[in-house]
């Protein structure tokens, strides 16, 4: 049994809508493919013995510092004192691969 409308005018309207959606999806894909890949690590010292670093996606307007590969960014996120940028949120795309720390918390 089909979930499609039974008449030609509504099918044509649905076809037009789906074509427009496909154009929008392809545009979003093209935009993401043009974004630079990689990460940067911005080190800001609060005290000489306690650096605070921010991990950014490459191309983040607030980022800067040495470039990192994806695997290096994953390692960096696991280090104390390294925080993901609140703007470009590199932790979102790395979350699935991020190594989990074994904590001593109670359950």
Protein backbone atom coordinates (compact mmCIF):
# COMPACT_ATOMS: atom_id res chain seq x y z
CA UNK A 1 0.00 0.00 0.00
CA UNK A 2 1.38 3.38 -1.02
CA UNK A 3 1.56 6.44 1.23
CA UNK A 4 1.55 8.71 -1.82
CA UNK A 5 -1.46 10.85 -2.76
CA UNK A 6 -3.66 9.21 -5.39
CA UNK A 7 -4.20 12.22 -7.66
CA UNK A 8 -1.92 13.86 -10.23
CA UNK A 9 -1.95 17.47 -8.91
CA UNK A 10 -0.84 16.46 -5.42
CA UNK A 11 1.79 14.07 -6.83
CA UNK A 12 3.16 16.90 -8.96
CA UNK A 13 3.25 19.20 -5.95
CA UNK A 14 5.08 16.55 -3.96
CA UNK A 15 7.55 16.08 -6.82
CA UNK A 16 8.29 19.82 -6.90
CA UNK A 17 8.78 19.91 -3.13
CA UNK A 18 11.15 16.94 -3.23
CA UNK A 19 13.18 18.49 -6.05
CA UNK A 20 13.57 21.69 -4.03
CA UNK A 21 14.64 19.67 -0.99
CA UNK A 22 17.20 17.78 -3.07
CA UNK A 23 18.65 21.08 -4.33
CA UNK A 24 18.92 22.33 -0.73
CA UNK A 25 20.61 19.11 0.45
CA UNK A 26 23.11 19.20 -2.42
CA UNK A 27 23.92 22.85 -1.63
CA UNK A 28 24.53 22.00 2.03
CA UNK A 29 26.79 19.10 1.04
CA UNK A 30 28.76 21.33 -1.34
CA UNK A 31 29.20 23.96 1.36
CA UNK A 32 30.49 21.41 3.88
CA UNK A 33 32.87 19.94 1.32
CA UNK A 34 34.44 23.37 0.79
CA UNK A 35 35.17 23.92 4.47
CA UNK A 36 38.77 23.28 5.46
CA UNK A 37 39.44 20.07 7.30
CA UNK A 38 41.66 19.86 10.31
CA UNK A 39 42.00 21.56 13.64
CA UNK A 40 44.11 24.16 15.42
CA UNK A 41 45.23 24.38 19.02
CA UNK A 42 45.29 27.87 20.52
CA UNK A 43 47.40 28.02 23.68
CA UNK A 44 46.68 30.80 26.15
CA UNK A 45 48.72 30.83 29.32
CA UNK A 46 46.88 31.81 32.45
CA UNK A 47 50.00 31.09 34.55
CA UNK A 48 53.39 29.89 33.32
CA UNK A 49 52.82 26.44 34.83
CA UNK A 50 49.15 26.11 33.81
CA UNK A 51 48.43 26.52 30.10
CA UNK A 52 44.84 26.69 28.95
CA UNK A 53 44.26 25.65 25.35
CA UNK A 54 41.31 25.87 23.00
CA UNK A 55 40.74 23.36 20.22
CA UNK A 56 39.22 24.86 17.06
CA UNK A 57 38.14 23.57 13.67
CA UNK A 58 40.37 24.85 10.89
CA UNK A 59 38.92 28.07 9.58
CA UNK A 60 37.39 29.14 12.89
CA UNK A 61 37.62 32.95 13.03
CA UNK A 62 38.65 32.89 16.70
CA UNK A 63 41.16 30.07 16.26
CA UNK A 64 44.83 30.03 15.63
CA UNK A 65 47.95 28.15 16.54
CA UNK A 66 49.49 24.94 15.31
CA UNK A 67 47.50 22.76 12.93
CA UNK A 68 46.43 19.31 14.13
CA UNK A 69 45.21 16.21 12.35
CA UNK A 70 41.98 14.51 13.38
CA UNK A 71 43.84 11.95 15.49
CA UNK A 72 45.91 14.67 17.16
CA UNK A 73 42.73 16.65 17.90
CA UNK A 74 41.21 13.57 19.55
CA UNK A 75 44.27 13.20 21.75
CA UNK A 76 44.26 16.91 22.58
CA UNK A 77 40.62 16.82 23.71
CA UNK A 78 41.52 14.13 26.21
CA UNK A 79 44.22 16.27 27.81
CA UNK A 80 43.53 18.35 30.93
CA UNK A 81 43.41 22.07 30.19
CA UNK A 82 42.22 21.66 26.59
CA UNK A 83 38.72 22.93 25.94
CA UNK A 84 36.70 22.85 22.69
CA UNK A 85 35.86 26.23 21.17
CA UNK A 86 32.34 27.36 22.06
CA UNK A 87 31.88 28.77 18.55
CA UNK A 88 33.01 26.10 16.09
CA UNK A 89 32.42 23.14 18.49
CA UNK A 90 35.02 20.63 17.20
CA UNK A 91 33.97 18.26 19.99
CA UNK A 92 30.64 17.57 18.26
CA UNK A 93 32.18 15.90 15.23
CA UNK A 94 34.90 14.24 17.28
CA UNK A 95 32.55 12.98 20.02
CA UNK A 96 31.97 9.57 18.44
CA UNK A 97 35.70 8.89 18.28
CA UNK A 98 36.81 10.60 21.49
CA UNK A 99 38.57 8.26 23.90
CA UNK A 100 36.69 7.97 27.14
CA UNK A 101 38.48 8.58 30.39
CA UNK A 102 38.05 5.93 33.01
CA UNK A 103 36.74 7.88 35.95
CA UNK A 104 36.49 7.03 39.58
CA UNK A 105 32.98 8.40 39.91
CA UNK A 106 30.23 6.63 41.79
CA UNK A 107 27.19 5.17 40.08
